[in-house]
Amino acid sequence: MLLSVGEHKYRIEMQYLRIGRDHMFIITNAEGGHIGAITLAEKRGLQTIGKLGHRDDIVSQSIAKILHAGLGEDITVVCGIHIDHGTKEEIETLVANAQQCATHYLEETSHE
C-alpha cells in the first residue's frame, strides 16, 4: 500500500509492508528519500536509531507513536525526508504531511 499527502517538494509518501504479525512503514519525500532514522514501537516503548546529522528521528518517533497507538501491534518506521535548507515552516509542513499519511492509513484500515 502506498499513501501520499502534499504536493511537489512537500509530498510525503508512506509505503506499508506486513511482516508476519508486525508492520513496517517507509516514509520518504520527493526531494530525496533516504534512510535517516528507524524507530521500533512495541509494548515496552520506542527504540530509535538515527544517522548522525539527520533529524528524521523526530518524524519516525512521531509516526511510530501514532501507528502503534492505532494498531496496538509492533511496528517499525523507516524515515528519510530531505529538503535543502528547509525553513522551520517547511519542516513543519513535511512533518504534518507525514502525520496525515499515518492518520489516513489508520482510517483506511479500520474499515477492513
Protein backbone atom coordinates (compact mmCIF):
# COMPACT_ATOMS: atom_id res chain seq x y z
CA MET A 1 0.00 0.00 0.00
CA LEU A 2 1.23 3.48 -0.87
CA LEU A 3 -0.25 6.67 0.55
CA SER A 4 0.80 10.23 -0.18
CA VAL A 5 -0.02 13.69 1.14
CA GLY A 6 1.14 17.06 -0.17
CA GLU A 7 2.43 18.35 -3.47
CA HIS A 8 5.79 18.94 -5.11
CA LYS A 9 8.65 19.13 -2.62
CA TYR A 10 6.19 18.78 0.29
CA ARG A 11 4.81 15.46 -0.98
CA ILE A 12 5.28 12.70 1.58
CA GLU A 13 4.90 9.06 0.59
CA MET A 14 4.29 6.25 3.04
CA GLN A 15 4.69 2.62 1.99
CA TYR A 16 3.40 -0.25 4.08
CA LEU A 17 4.59 -3.84 4.41
CA ARG A 18 3.18 -6.59 6.60
CA ILE A 19 5.90 -8.82 8.01
CA GLY A 20 4.24 -11.72 9.81
CA ARG A 21 2.26 -10.13 12.64
CA ASP A 22 4.33 -6.94 12.52
CA HIS A 23 4.05 -3.79 10.43
CA MET A 24 6.72 -1.79 8.58
CA PHE A 25 6.24 1.73 7.25
CA ILE A 26 8.65 3.59 4.97
CA ILE A 27 8.28 7.36 4.84
CA THR A 28 10.10 9.43 2.20
CA ASN A 29 9.61 12.56 0.12
CA ALA A 30 10.14 13.66 -3.47
CA GLU A 31 13.23 15.75 -2.73
CA GLY A 32 15.44 12.81 -1.85
CA GLY A 33 14.32 9.84 0.14
CA HIS A 34 16.96 8.02 2.17
CA ILE A 35 17.28 6.10 5.42
CA GLY A 36 17.71 8.74 8.11
CA ALA A 37 16.14 7.02 11.12
CA ILE A 38 14.47 3.79 12.16
CA THR A 39 12.04 3.54 15.07
CA LEU A 40 10.66 0.34 16.57
CA ALA A 41 7.49 0.73 18.63
CA GLU A 42 6.37 -2.11 20.87
CA LYS A 43 4.61 -2.51 24.21
CA ARG A 44 7.73 -1.73 26.21
CA GLY A 45 8.33 1.57 24.36
CA LEU A 46 10.25 3.08 21.48
CA GLN A 47 13.77 2.42 20.24
CA THR A 48 15.28 4.71 17.60
CA ILE A 49 18.46 4.66 15.57
CA GLY A 50 19.31 7.73 13.53
CA LYS A 51 22.07 8.85 11.20
CA LEU A 52 24.39 11.49 12.57
CA GLY A 53 23.47 14.94 11.35
CA HIS A 54 19.93 13.93 10.41
CA ARG A 55 16.71 14.84 12.20
CA ASP A 56 14.50 12.13 10.71
CA ASP A 57 14.14 10.59 14.17
CA ILE A 58 11.67 13.36 15.05
CA VAL A 59 9.34 12.14 12.30
CA SER A 60 9.95 8.41 12.78
CA GLN A 61 9.16 8.62 16.50
CA SER A 62 6.06 10.75 15.98
CA ILE A 63 4.68 8.42 13.30
CA ALA A 64 5.60 5.30 15.30
CA LYS A 65 3.62 6.60 18.29
CA ILE A 66 0.56 7.36 16.14
CA LEU A 67 0.60 4.00 14.35
CA HIS A 68 1.39 1.90 17.42
CA ALA A 69 -1.43 3.54 19.37
CA GLY A 70 -3.83 2.94 16.49
CA LEU A 71 -2.82 -0.62 15.66
CA GLY A 72 -1.78 -1.93 19.08
CA GLU A 73 0.86 -4.10 17.43
CA ASP A 74 4.62 -3.90 16.92
CA ILE A 75 5.67 -1.56 14.16
CA THR A 76 8.83 -0.23 12.57
CA VAL A 77 9.07 3.14 10.84
CA VAL A 78 11.92 3.84 8.43
CA CYS A 79 12.09 7.54 7.65
CA GLY A 80 14.15 9.63 5.27
CA ILE A 81 12.86 13.07 4.34
CA HIS A 82 15.18 15.58 2.70
CA ILE A 83 14.73 19.25 1.93
CA ASP A 84 17.60 21.56 1.01
CA HIS A 85 17.99 24.40 3.51
CA GLY A 86 14.47 23.84 4.84
CA THR A 87 12.89 26.58 6.90
CA LYS A 88 11.09 25.83 10.13
CA GLU A 89 7.76 26.24 8.33
CA GLU A 90 8.77 23.85 5.53
CA ILE A 91 9.87 21.21 8.02
CA GLU A 92 6.62 21.62 9.96
CA THR A 93 4.68 21.12 6.70
CA LEU A 94 6.58 17.91 5.94
CA VAL A 95 6.03 16.58 9.48
CA ALA A 96 2.31 17.42 9.29
CA ASN A 97 2.04 15.65 5.91
CA ALA A 98 3.73 12.55 7.34
CA GLN A 99 1.31 12.57 10.27
CA GLN A 100 -1.61 12.87 7.84
CA CYS A 101 -0.33 9.80 5.96
CA ALA A 102 -0.35 7.83 9.23
CA THR A 103 -3.84 9.04 10.09
CA HIS A 104 -5.14 8.17 6.61
CA TYR A 105 -3.63 4.69 6.92
CA LEU A 106 -5.40 4.09 10.24
CA GLU A 107 -8.69 5.38 8.81
CA GLU A 108 -8.43 3.12 5.74
CA THR A 109 -7.50 0.00 7.68
CA SER A 110 -10.18 0.50 10.34
CA HIS A 111 -12.76 -0.47 7.72
CA GLU A 112 -11.13 -3.80 6.87
